């Protein structure tokens, strides 16, 4: 949202406005910033801030509601991260996205974790079907980053999808079979049978 305010040139409305700015310019800037923030909100959130007339008022209310830095909120978000686990039906892209959302929420309430710890948490959140992948990734490594783990996981996803579509070495082979109805007439003739070979 802040990026959108910057794009529209009205981020200054969230800061202390310049003293030398005239009242009309301040009002115009505030109006523009207020509308940008309001347009970014869903109906549920909008109902929470509808009484706020200024951009700073809306921003402060949003911070109070959704970026509370209380101990309870920190504990809740940490618990969410430490108990985060990938369900079997979820794709790896969705899993990484959800993981990043939790990490971002923690950063917003000033809980910053070491990069290597986050990488290990992401690896431990994977199901047992990724056990071989994790072992291979950790083999003979002294250190790695969250970016390394995400990049490797993201490259694994297309391979999994191609396996699911059947691009895994499926092929056909032809085998001859002697028809024994009339062994004297048909001896040596073959009926072609195509058999699908599935790994």
N, C-alpha and C. Protein backbone atom coordinates (compact mmCIF):
# COMPACT_ATOMS: atom_id res chain seq x y z
N UNK A 1 0.82 -1.21 0.00
CA UNK A 1 0.00 0.00 0.00
C UNK A 1 0.86 1.26 0.00
N UNK A 2 1.94 1.21 0.79
CA UNK A 2 2.85 2.36 0.82
C UNK A 2 3.46 2.58 -0.57
N UNK A 3 3.76 1.48 -1.27
CA UNK A 3 4.32 1.59 -2.61
C UNK A 3 3.36 2.28 -3.56
N UNK A 4 2.07 2.02 -3.38
CA UNK A 4 1.05 2.65 -4.21
C UNK A 4 0.96 4.15 -3.91
N UNK A 5 1.10 4.51 -2.65
CA UNK A 5 1.12 5.93 -2.26
C UNK A 5 2.32 6.63 -2.89
N UNK A 6 3.46 5.94 -2.90
CA UNK A 6 4.66 6.52 -3.51
C UNK A 6 4.44 6.71 -5.01
N UNK A 7 3.84 5.70 -5.65
CA UNK A 7 3.58 5.78 -7.08
C UNK A 7 2.68 6.97 -7.42
N UNK A 8 1.70 7.24 -6.55
CA UNK A 8 0.78 8.36 -6.79
C UNK A 8 1.32 9.69 -6.25
N UNK A 9 2.54 9.64 -5.70
CA UNK A 9 3.19 10.87 -5.22
C UNK A 9 2.55 11.48 -3.99
N UNK A 10 1.95 10.64 -3.15
CA UNK A 10 1.28 11.21 -1.96
C UNK A 10 1.67 10.51 -0.65
N UNK A 11 2.85 9.90 -0.63
CA UNK A 11 3.31 9.24 0.60
C UNK A 11 3.53 10.25 1.73
N UNK A 12 3.86 11.48 1.37
CA UNK A 12 4.12 12.53 2.37
C UNK A 12 2.92 12.76 3.28
N UNK A 13 1.72 12.37 2.83
CA UNK A 13 0.52 12.56 3.65
C UNK A 13 0.57 11.71 4.92
N UNK A 14 1.39 10.65 4.94
CA UNK A 14 1.52 9.81 6.13
C UNK A 14 2.55 10.36 7.11
N UNK A 15 3.37 11.30 6.63
CA UNK A 15 4.40 11.91 7.47
C UNK A 15 3.89 13.25 7.97
N UNK A 16 4.73 13.94 8.73
CA UNK A 16 4.39 15.30 9.16
C UNK A 16 4.54 16.20 7.93
N UNK A 17 3.45 16.82 7.55
CA UNK A 17 3.48 17.64 6.33
C UNK A 17 4.32 18.90 6.52
N UNK A 18 4.95 19.32 5.44
CA UNK A 18 5.85 20.47 5.49
C UNK A 18 5.13 21.73 5.96
N UNK A 19 5.84 22.49 6.76
CA UNK A 19 5.27 23.72 7.32
C UNK A 19 4.98 24.73 6.21
N UNK A 20 5.88 24.80 5.23
CA UNK A 20 5.71 25.79 4.17
C UNK A 20 4.65 25.40 3.12
N UNK A 21 4.05 24.22 3.27
CA UNK A 21 3.01 23.80 2.34
C UNK A 21 1.71 24.50 2.72
N UNK A 22 1.06 25.11 1.76
CA UNK A 22 -0.17 25.84 2.10
C UNK A 22 -1.32 24.87 2.40
N UNK A 23 -2.34 25.38 3.07
CA UNK A 23 -3.46 24.56 3.55
C UNK A 23 -4.18 23.83 2.42
N UNK A 24 -4.31 24.53 1.28
CA UNK A 24 -5.01 23.94 0.14
C UNK A 24 -4.24 22.74 -0.42
N UNK A 25 -2.91 22.88 -0.53
CA UNK A 25 -2.07 21.79 -1.04
C UNK A 25 -2.07 20.61 -0.08
N UNK A 26 -2.05 20.92 1.24
CA UNK A 26 -2.09 19.86 2.25
C UNK A 26 -3.40 19.09 2.15
N UNK A 27 -4.51 19.82 2.02
CA UNK A 27 -5.83 19.19 1.93
C UNK A 27 -5.93 18.31 0.68
N UNK A 28 -5.40 18.80 -0.43
CA UNK A 28 -5.43 18.05 -1.69
C UNK A 28 -4.60 16.77 -1.60
N UNK A 29 -3.40 16.90 -1.00
CA UNK A 29 -2.51 15.74 -0.83
C UNK A 29 -3.15 14.69 0.07
N UNK A 30 -3.75 15.15 1.17
CA UNK A 30 -4.40 14.25 2.12
C UNK A 30 -5.58 13.53 1.47
N UNK A 31 -6.35 14.30 0.69
CA UNK A 31 -7.53 13.73 -0.01
C UNK A 31 -7.10 12.62 -0.98
N UNK A 32 -6.04 12.89 -1.72
CA UNK A 32 -5.52 11.93 -2.69
C UNK A 32 -5.00 10.67 -1.98
N UNK A 33 -4.22 10.87 -0.94
CA UNK A 33 -3.66 9.74 -0.18
C UNK A 33 -4.77 8.92 0.47
N UNK A 34 -5.76 9.60 1.03
CA UNK A 34 -6.89 8.93 1.68
C UNK A 34 -7.62 8.03 0.68
N UNK A 35 -7.86 8.54 -0.52
CA UNK A 35 -8.59 7.75 -1.52
C UNK A 35 -7.76 6.55 -1.99
N UNK A 36 -6.43 6.72 -2.11
CA UNK A 36 -5.56 5.61 -2.52
C UNK A 36 -5.62 4.49 -1.48
N UNK A 37 -5.52 4.85 -0.20
CA UNK A 37 -5.55 3.86 0.88
C UNK A 37 -6.91 3.16 0.92
N UNK A 38 -7.98 3.92 0.84
CA UNK A 38 -9.34 3.37 0.91
C UNK A 38 -9.60 2.39 -0.24
N UNK A 39 -9.13 2.73 -1.43
CA UNK A 39 -9.34 1.86 -2.60
C UNK A 39 -8.60 0.53 -2.50
N UNK A 40 -7.60 0.47 -1.63
CA UNK A 40 -6.84 -0.78 -1.46
C UNK A 40 -7.49 -1.75 -0.47
N UNK A 41 -8.49 -1.30 0.24
CA UNK A 41 -9.06 -2.09 1.33
C UNK A 41 -10.28 -2.89 0.89
N UNK A 42 -10.40 -4.07 1.48
CA UNK A 42 -11.59 -4.90 1.27
C UNK A 42 -12.73 -4.38 2.14
N UNK A 43 -13.93 -4.88 1.89
CA UNK A 43 -15.12 -4.41 2.61
C UNK A 43 -15.03 -4.57 4.12
N UNK A 44 -14.52 -5.72 4.56
CA UNK A 44 -14.42 -5.99 6.01
C UNK A 44 -13.51 -4.97 6.69
N UNK A 45 -12.35 -4.72 6.10
CA UNK A 45 -11.38 -3.77 6.66
C UNK A 45 -11.91 -2.35 6.53
N UNK A 46 -12.57 -2.08 5.43
CA UNK A 46 -13.13 -0.74 5.18
C UNK A 46 -14.12 -0.33 6.26
N UNK A 47 -14.91 -1.28 6.71
CA UNK A 47 -15.89 -0.99 7.78
C UNK A 47 -15.20 -0.57 9.08
N UNK A 48 -13.96 -1.08 9.28
CA UNK A 48 -13.21 -0.75 10.49
C UNK A 48 -12.68 0.68 10.49
N UNK A 49 -12.42 1.23 9.28
CA UNK A 49 -11.75 2.54 9.18
C UNK A 49 -12.64 3.61 8.57
N UNK A 50 -13.90 3.31 8.35
CA UNK A 50 -14.80 4.22 7.62
C UNK A 50 -14.94 5.60 8.28
N UNK A 51 -14.76 5.65 9.59
CA UNK A 51 -14.93 6.94 10.29
C UNK A 51 -13.69 7.83 10.23
N UNK A 52 -12.58 7.28 9.75
CA UNK A 52 -11.34 8.05 9.67
C UNK A 52 -11.35 8.93 8.43
N UNK A 53 -11.18 10.25 8.62
CA UNK A 53 -11.29 11.20 7.50
C UNK A 53 -9.96 11.52 6.83
N UNK A 54 -8.85 11.18 7.50
CA UNK A 54 -7.53 11.50 6.92
C UNK A 54 -6.75 10.22 6.62
N UNK A 55 -5.77 10.37 5.74
CA UNK A 55 -4.92 9.22 5.39
C UNK A 55 -4.15 8.73 6.61
N UNK A 56 -3.63 9.66 7.42
CA UNK A 56 -2.89 9.27 8.62
C UNK A 56 -3.80 8.58 9.63
N UNK A 57 -5.05 9.02 9.72
CA UNK A 57 -6.02 8.39 10.61
C UNK A 57 -6.29 6.95 10.20
N UNK A 58 -6.50 6.74 8.90
CA UNK A 58 -6.74 5.38 8.37
C UNK A 58 -5.51 4.51 8.61
N UNK A 59 -4.33 5.06 8.30
CA UNK A 59 -3.08 4.31 8.45
C UNK A 59 -2.85 3.89 9.91
N UNK A 60 -3.08 4.83 10.84
CA UNK A 60 -2.90 4.54 12.27
C UNK A 60 -3.86 3.44 12.74
N UNK A 61 -5.10 3.54 12.26
CA UNK A 61 -6.11 2.54 12.63
C UNK A 61 -5.72 1.16 12.11
N UNK A 62 -5.23 1.11 10.87
CA UNK A 62 -4.79 -0.16 10.28
C UNK A 62 -3.62 -0.75 11.05
N UNK A 63 -2.68 0.11 11.46
CA UNK A 63 -1.55 -0.36 12.26
C UNK A 63 -2.01 -0.92 13.59
N UNK A 64 -2.96 -0.25 14.22
CA UNK A 64 -3.50 -0.71 15.50
C UNK A 64 -4.19 -2.06 15.36
N UNK A 65 -4.97 -2.20 14.28
CA UNK A 65 -5.75 -3.42 14.08
C UNK A 65 -4.91 -4.60 13.61
N UNK A 66 -4.00 -4.34 12.68
CA UNK A 66 -3.33 -5.46 12.01
C UNK A 66 -1.83 -5.55 12.22
N UNK A 67 -1.23 -4.57 12.84
CA UNK A 67 0.20 -4.63 13.06
C UNK A 67 0.54 -4.43 14.53
N UNK A 68 -0.36 -4.90 15.38
CA UNK A 68 -0.15 -4.75 16.82
C UNK A 68 1.12 -5.48 17.24
N UNK A 69 1.97 -4.78 17.96
CA UNK A 69 3.26 -5.34 18.35
C UNK A 69 3.20 -5.90 19.77
N UNK A 70 2.03 -6.30 20.20
CA UNK A 70 1.88 -6.83 21.55
C UNK A 70 2.56 -8.18 21.68
N UNK A 71 2.87 -8.57 22.90
CA UNK A 71 3.51 -9.85 23.16
C UNK A 71 2.62 -11.00 22.70
N UNK A 72 1.31 -10.87 22.94
CA UNK A 72 0.37 -11.92 22.54
C UNK A 72 0.39 -12.14 21.02
N UNK A 73 0.44 -11.03 20.28
CA UNK A 73 0.47 -11.12 18.82
C UNK A 73 1.78 -11.74 18.34
N UNK A 74 2.88 -11.37 18.98
CA UNK A 74 4.18 -11.94 18.62
C UNK A 74 4.20 -13.45 18.88
N UNK A 75 3.66 -13.85 20.02
CA UNK A 75 3.62 -15.28 20.36
C UNK A 75 2.75 -16.05 19.38
N UNK A 76 1.61 -15.45 19.02
CA UNK A 76 0.69 -16.09 18.07
C UNK A 76 1.36 -16.31 16.72
N UNK A 77 2.03 -15.28 16.21
CA UNK A 77 2.67 -15.38 14.90
C UNK A 77 3.88 -16.33 14.92
N UNK A 78 4.62 -16.33 16.03
CA UNK A 78 5.75 -17.25 16.16
C UNK A 78 5.25 -18.70 16.19
N UNK A 79 4.18 -18.90 16.94
CA UNK A 79 3.60 -20.26 17.01
C UNK A 79 3.15 -20.71 15.63
N UNK A 80 2.56 -19.78 14.88
CA UNK A 80 2.10 -20.09 13.52
C UNK A 80 3.28 -20.51 12.64
N UNK A 81 4.41 -19.83 12.79
CA UNK A 81 5.60 -20.15 12.00
C UNK A 81 6.20 -21.50 12.42
N UNK A 82 6.33 -21.71 13.75
CA UNK A 82 6.99 -22.92 14.23
C UNK A 82 6.15 -24.18 14.05
N UNK A 83 4.84 -24.03 13.90
CA UNK A 83 3.98 -25.20 13.70
C UNK A 83 3.50 -25.31 12.25
N UNK A 84 4.09 -24.50 11.37
CA UNK A 84 3.70 -24.47 9.96
C UNK A 84 4.12 -25.77 9.30
N UNK A 85 3.20 -26.39 8.57
CA UNK A 85 3.47 -27.67 7.93
C UNK A 85 2.74 -27.75 6.60
N UNK A 86 3.37 -28.37 5.63
CA UNK A 86 2.80 -28.47 4.29
C UNK A 86 1.83 -29.64 4.20
N UNK A 87 0.59 -29.34 3.82
CA UNK A 87 -0.39 -30.42 3.63
C UNK A 87 -0.10 -31.11 2.30
N UNK A 88 -0.50 -32.36 2.18
CA UNK A 88 -0.15 -33.17 1.01
C UNK A 88 -0.76 -32.65 -0.28
N UNK A 89 -1.95 -32.02 -0.19
CA UNK A 89 -2.60 -31.53 -1.42
C UNK A 89 -2.09 -30.17 -1.88
N UNK A 90 -1.33 -29.47 -1.05
CA UNK A 90 -0.83 -28.15 -1.43
C UNK A 90 0.39 -28.26 -2.32
N UNK A 91 0.47 -27.38 -3.31
CA UNK A 91 1.62 -27.32 -4.20
C UNK A 91 2.73 -26.52 -3.51
N UNK A 92 3.96 -26.76 -3.95
CA UNK A 92 5.11 -26.11 -3.30
C UNK A 92 5.09 -24.61 -3.45
N UNK A 93 4.61 -24.09 -4.60
CA UNK A 93 4.53 -22.63 -4.79
C UNK A 93 3.60 -22.01 -3.75
N UNK A 94 2.46 -22.64 -3.53
CA UNK A 94 1.49 -22.15 -2.54
C UNK A 94 2.05 -22.23 -1.13
N UNK A 95 2.81 -23.29 -0.86
CA UNK A 95 3.41 -23.48 0.46
C UNK A 95 4.43 -22.38 0.76
N UNK A 96 5.28 -22.10 -0.23
CA UNK A 96 6.30 -21.06 -0.06
C UNK A 96 5.63 -19.69 0.11
N UNK A 97 4.57 -19.45 -0.66
CA UNK A 97 3.85 -18.18 -0.56
C UNK A 97 3.28 -17.99 0.84
N UNK A 98 2.68 -19.04 1.39
CA UNK A 98 2.10 -18.96 2.74
C UNK A 98 3.19 -18.75 3.79
N UNK A 99 4.32 -19.42 3.60
CA UNK A 99 5.47 -19.26 4.50
C UNK A 99 5.95 -17.81 4.48
N UNK A 100 6.08 -17.25 3.27
CA UNK A 100 6.53 -15.85 3.13
C UNK A 100 5.56 -14.87 3.80
N UNK A 101 4.26 -15.15 3.73
CA UNK A 101 3.26 -14.28 4.38
C UNK A 101 3.46 -14.25 5.88
N UNK A 102 3.71 -15.42 6.47
CA UNK A 102 3.93 -15.49 7.92
C UNK A 102 5.20 -14.72 8.29
N UNK A 103 6.27 -14.92 7.52
CA UNK A 103 7.55 -14.22 7.79
C UNK A 103 7.37 -12.71 7.66
N UNK A 104 6.60 -12.28 6.67
CA UNK A 104 6.33 -10.85 6.47
C UNK A 104 5.52 -10.27 7.63
N UNK A 105 4.52 -11.02 8.08
CA UNK A 105 3.72 -10.57 9.23
C UNK A 105 4.60 -10.41 10.47
N UNK A 106 5.54 -11.33 10.66
CA UNK A 106 6.47 -11.23 11.79
C UNK A 106 7.38 -10.02 11.65
N UNK A 107 7.86 -9.76 10.43
CA UNK A 107 8.72 -8.59 10.19
C UNK A 107 7.95 -7.30 10.46
N UNK A 108 6.65 -7.28 10.12
CA UNK A 108 5.81 -6.10 10.35
C UNK A 108 5.64 -5.78 11.83
N UNK A 109 5.73 -6.81 12.68
CA UNK A 109 5.61 -6.55 14.13
C UNK A 109 6.99 -6.62 14.80
N UNK A 110 8.02 -6.39 13.97
CA UNK A 110 9.41 -6.27 14.41
C UNK A 110 9.97 -7.54 15.04
N UNK A 111 9.59 -8.69 14.49
CA UNK A 111 10.19 -9.96 14.88
C UNK A 111 11.02 -10.41 13.69
N UNK A 112 12.33 -10.28 13.81
CA UNK A 112 13.23 -10.65 12.72
C UNK A 112 14.00 -11.90 13.10
N UNK A 113 14.01 -12.87 12.19
CA UNK A 113 14.68 -14.14 12.44
C UNK A 113 15.88 -14.27 11.51
N UNK A 114 16.85 -15.04 11.95
CA UNK A 114 18.04 -15.29 11.13
C UNK A 114 17.65 -16.02 9.85
N UNK A 115 18.32 -15.68 8.77
CA UNK A 115 18.03 -16.27 7.47
C UNK A 115 18.17 -17.80 7.49
N UNK A 116 19.22 -18.30 8.11
CA UNK A 116 19.44 -19.75 8.16
C UNK A 116 18.35 -20.45 8.97
N UNK A 117 17.88 -19.79 10.05
CA UNK A 117 16.79 -20.36 10.85
C UNK A 117 15.52 -20.48 10.02
N UNK A 118 15.24 -19.46 9.22
CA UNK A 118 14.06 -19.49 8.35
C UNK A 118 14.19 -20.60 7.31
N UNK A 119 15.40 -20.78 6.77
CA UNK A 119 15.64 -21.84 5.79
C UNK A 119 15.37 -23.21 6.41
N UNK A 120 15.85 -23.41 7.63
CA UNK A 120 15.64 -24.68 8.33
C UNK A 120 14.16 -24.89 8.67
N UNK A 121 13.48 -23.82 9.06
CA UNK A 121 12.04 -23.92 9.35
C UNK A 121 11.25 -24.30 8.11
N UNK A 122 11.64 -23.74 6.97
CA UNK A 122 10.96 -24.09 5.71
C UNK A 122 11.20 -25.56 5.38
N UNK A 123 12.42 -26.03 5.55
CA UNK A 123 12.73 -27.43 5.27
C UNK A 123 11.99 -28.39 6.20
N UNK A 124 11.90 -28.03 7.48
CA UNK A 124 11.20 -28.91 8.43
C UNK A 124 9.69 -28.87 8.25
N UNK A 125 9.19 -27.88 7.50
CA UNK A 125 7.74 -27.80 7.26
C UNK A 125 7.30 -28.72 6.12
N UNK A 126 8.27 -29.32 5.42
CA UNK A 126 7.94 -30.18 4.29
C UNK A 126 7.52 -31.57 4.75
N UNK A 127 6.63 -32.23 4.01
CA UNK A 127 6.18 -33.57 4.40
C UNK A 127 7.27 -34.62 4.17
N UNK A 128 7.03 -35.83 4.63
CA UNK A 128 8.03 -36.90 4.55
C UNK A 128 8.39 -37.27 3.11
N UNK A 129 7.52 -36.98 2.16
CA UNK A 129 7.82 -37.27 0.75
C UNK A 129 9.01 -36.44 0.25
N UNK A 130 9.37 -35.37 0.97
CA UNK A 130 10.51 -34.53 0.60
C UNK A 130 11.77 -34.88 1.38
N UNK A 131 11.73 -35.97 2.13
CA UNK A 131 12.84 -36.34 3.00
C UNK A 131 14.15 -36.52 2.21
N UNK A 132 14.09 -37.23 1.08
CA UNK A 132 15.27 -37.46 0.25
C UNK A 132 15.80 -36.13 -0.30
N UNK A 133 14.88 -35.25 -0.70
CA UNK A 133 15.24 -33.93 -1.21
C UNK A 133 16.00 -33.13 -0.15
N UNK A 134 15.50 -33.15 1.09
CA UNK A 134 16.13 -32.41 2.19
C UNK A 134 17.52 -32.98 2.48
N UNK A 135 17.62 -34.30 2.52
CA UNK A 135 18.93 -34.94 2.77
C UNK A 135 19.94 -34.55 1.70
N UNK A 136 19.50 -34.55 0.44
CA UNK A 136 20.38 -34.18 -0.67
C UNK A 136 20.82 -32.72 -0.56
N UNK A 137 19.89 -31.86 -0.18
CA UNK A 137 20.19 -30.43 -0.06
C UNK A 137 21.18 -30.16 1.07
N UNK A 138 21.06 -30.89 2.16
CA UNK A 138 21.92 -30.67 3.33
C UNK A 138 23.28 -31.37 3.21
N UNK A 139 23.39 -32.31 2.28
CA UNK A 139 24.59 -33.13 2.17
C UNK A 139 25.84 -32.27 1.94
N UNK A 140 26.82 -32.45 2.84
CA UNK A 140 28.12 -31.77 2.78
C UNK A 140 28.02 -30.25 2.67
N UNK A 141 27.02 -29.67 3.31
CA UNK A 141 26.90 -28.20 3.34
C UNK A 141 27.11 -27.71 4.75
N UNK A 142 27.81 -26.62 4.88
CA UNK A 142 28.00 -26.02 6.19
C UNK A 142 27.00 -24.89 6.42
N UNK A 143 26.56 -24.27 5.35
CA UNK A 143 25.60 -23.17 5.46
C UNK A 143 24.79 -23.05 4.17
N UNK A 144 23.60 -22.51 4.29
CA UNK A 144 22.78 -22.20 3.12
C UNK A 144 21.80 -21.10 3.51
N UNK A 145 21.21 -20.49 2.52
CA UNK A 145 20.30 -19.37 2.76
C UNK A 145 18.87 -19.78 2.44
N UNK A 146 17.93 -18.97 2.90
CA UNK A 146 16.52 -19.18 2.60
C UNK A 146 16.29 -19.09 1.10
N UNK A 147 17.00 -18.17 0.46
CA UNK A 147 16.87 -18.01 -1.00
C UNK A 147 17.30 -19.27 -1.74
N UNK A 148 18.39 -19.92 -1.26
CA UNK A 148 18.85 -21.18 -1.86
C UNK A 148 17.77 -22.25 -1.78
N UNK A 149 17.19 -22.38 -0.60
CA UNK A 149 16.17 -23.42 -0.37
C UNK A 149 14.96 -23.16 -1.25
N UNK A 150 14.50 -21.91 -1.30
CA UNK A 150 13.32 -21.57 -2.11
C UNK A 150 13.58 -21.81 -3.59
N UNK A 151 14.75 -21.42 -4.06
CA UNK A 151 15.09 -21.61 -5.48
C UNK A 151 15.11 -23.09 -5.83
N UNK A 152 15.68 -23.91 -4.96
CA UNK A 152 15.76 -25.35 -5.21
C UNK A 152 14.37 -25.98 -5.18
N UNK A 153 13.55 -25.56 -4.23
CA UNK A 153 12.18 -26.08 -4.14
C UNK A 153 11.36 -25.67 -5.37
N UNK A 154 11.51 -24.42 -5.79
CA UNK A 154 10.77 -23.95 -6.96
C UNK A 154 11.18 -24.68 -8.23
N UNK A 155 12.45 -25.08 -8.33
CA UNK A 155 12.88 -25.83 -9.51
C UNK A 155 12.39 -27.27 -9.46
N UNK A 156 12.09 -27.76 -8.27
CA UNK A 156 11.58 -29.14 -8.11
C UNK A 156 10.14 -29.26 -8.57
N UNK A 157 9.35 -28.20 -8.39
CA UNK A 157 7.91 -28.23 -8.71
C UNK A 157 7.61 -28.58 -10.17
N UNK A 158 8.26 -27.93 -11.17
CA UNK A 158 7.96 -28.29 -12.56
C UNK A 158 8.28 -29.76 -12.87
N UNK A 159 9.34 -30.30 -12.24
CA UNK A 159 9.68 -31.71 -12.45
C UNK A 159 8.56 -32.61 -11.94
N UNK A 160 8.01 -32.25 -10.77
CA UNK A 160 6.91 -33.03 -10.20
C UNK A 160 5.69 -32.99 -11.10
N UNK A 161 5.42 -31.79 -11.66
CA UNK A 161 4.25 -31.64 -12.54
C UNK A 161 4.42 -32.46 -13.82
N UNK A 162 5.63 -32.48 -14.38
CA UNK A 162 5.84 -33.23 -15.61
C UNK A 162 5.72 -34.73 -15.36
N UNK A 163 6.10 -35.18 -14.17
CA UNK A 163 5.92 -36.59 -13.81
C UNK A 163 4.44 -36.93 -13.73
N UNK A 164 3.68 -36.01 -13.12
CA UNK A 164 2.24 -36.22 -12.98
C UNK A 164 1.54 -36.28 -14.33
N UNK A 165 2.05 -35.52 -15.32
CA UNK A 165 1.44 -35.51 -16.65
C UNK A 165 1.84 -36.74 -17.47
N UNK A 166 2.83 -37.49 -17.01
CA UNK A 166 3.22 -38.71 -17.71
C UNK A 166 4.48 -38.58 -18.53
N UNK A 167 5.23 -37.51 -18.38
CA UNK A 167 6.49 -37.35 -19.11
C UNK A 167 7.62 -38.02 -18.33
N UNK A 168 7.40 -39.27 -17.95
CA UNK A 168 8.38 -39.92 -17.09
C UNK A 168 8.92 -41.20 -17.72
N UNK A 169 9.05 -41.18 -19.02
CA UNK A 169 9.65 -42.33 -19.67
C UNK A 169 8.64 -43.37 -20.12
N UNK A 170 7.37 -43.00 -20.13
CA UNK A 170 6.39 -43.94 -20.65
C UNK A 170 6.69 -44.19 -22.11
N UNK A 171 6.50 -45.43 -22.55
CA UNK A 171 6.75 -45.72 -23.95
C UNK A 171 5.92 -46.89 -24.41
N UNK A 172 6.13 -47.28 -25.64
CA UNK A 172 5.42 -48.42 -26.21
C UNK A 172 6.44 -49.42 -26.71
N UNK A 173 6.08 -50.67 -26.64
CA UNK A 173 6.89 -51.65 -27.32
C UNK A 173 5.96 -52.64 -27.99
N UNK A 174 6.48 -53.31 -29.00
CA UNK A 174 5.68 -54.23 -29.81
C UNK A 174 6.16 -55.65 -29.53
N UNK A 175 5.21 -56.54 -29.33
CA UNK A 175 5.56 -57.92 -29.06
C UNK A 175 4.76 -58.81 -30.01
N UNK A 176 5.42 -59.76 -30.61
CA UNK A 176 4.72 -60.67 -31.52
C UNK A 176 4.12 -61.84 -30.76
N UNK A 177 2.97 -62.34 -31.24
CA UNK A 177 2.35 -63.49 -30.61
C UNK A 177 1.84 -64.41 -31.72
N UNK A 178 2.17 -65.64 -31.65
CA UNK A 178 1.75 -66.59 -32.67
C UNK A 178 0.29 -66.96 -32.44
N UNK A 179 -0.49 -66.89 -33.52
CA UNK A 179 -1.90 -67.29 -33.44
C UNK A 179 -1.96 -68.78 -33.71
N UNK A 180 -2.47 -69.57 -32.80
CA UNK A 180 -2.43 -71.02 -32.95
C UNK A 180 -3.75 -71.62 -33.38
N UNK A 181 -4.64 -70.86 -34.00
CA UNK A 181 -5.91 -71.41 -34.48
C UNK A 181 -5.65 -72.52 -35.48
N UNK A 182 -4.90 -72.16 -36.48
CA UNK A 182 -4.55 -73.14 -37.51
C UNK A 182 -3.04 -73.10 -37.64
N UNK A 183 -2.39 -73.91 -36.82
CA UNK A 183 -0.94 -73.83 -36.73
C UNK A 183 -0.24 -74.13 -38.04
N UNK A 184 -0.89 -74.93 -38.88
CA UNK A 184 -0.25 -75.29 -40.16
C UNK A 184 -0.25 -74.10 -41.12
N UNK A 185 -1.43 -73.41 -41.25
CA UNK A 185 -1.55 -72.30 -42.18
C UNK A 185 -0.90 -71.02 -41.65
N UNK A 186 -1.08 -70.80 -40.36
CA UNK A 186 -0.67 -69.50 -39.81
C UNK A 186 0.67 -69.56 -39.07
N UNK A 187 1.38 -70.67 -39.21
CA UNK A 187 2.64 -70.80 -38.50
C UNK A 187 3.60 -69.69 -38.92
N UNK A 188 4.17 -69.05 -37.96
CA UNK A 188 5.13 -67.98 -38.25
C UNK A 188 4.49 -66.62 -38.40
N UNK A 189 3.17 -66.55 -38.63
CA UNK A 189 2.52 -65.25 -38.74
C UNK A 189 2.31 -64.71 -37.32
N UNK A 190 2.38 -63.40 -37.20
CA UNK A 190 2.24 -62.79 -35.87
C UNK A 190 1.09 -61.81 -35.86
N UNK A 191 0.47 -61.79 -34.73
CA UNK A 191 -0.54 -60.75 -34.51
C UNK A 191 0.13 -59.70 -33.63
N UNK A 192 0.12 -58.47 -34.08
CA UNK A 192 0.82 -57.42 -33.35
C UNK A 192 -0.02 -56.98 -32.15
N UNK A 193 0.65 -56.93 -31.04
CA UNK A 193 -0.03 -56.49 -29.82
C UNK A 193 0.77 -55.33 -29.24
N UNK A 194 0.14 -54.22 -29.08
CA UNK A 194 0.83 -53.05 -28.53
C UNK A 194 0.52 -52.96 -27.06
N UNK A 195 1.56 -52.93 -26.31
CA UNK A 195 1.40 -52.91 -24.85
C UNK A 195 2.03 -51.65 -24.30
N UNK A 196 1.30 -50.98 -23.50
CA UNK A 196 1.81 -49.76 -22.88
C UNK A 196 2.69 -50.15 -21.70
N UNK A 197 3.84 -49.57 -21.68
CA UNK A 197 4.75 -49.86 -20.59
C UNK A 197 4.76 -48.68 -19.65
N UNK A 198 4.28 -48.88 -18.45
CA UNK A 198 4.18 -47.80 -17.48
C UNK A 198 5.14 -48.08 -16.35
N UNK A 199 5.95 -47.10 -16.05
CA UNK A 199 6.88 -47.27 -14.95
C UNK A 199 6.15 -47.23 -13.62
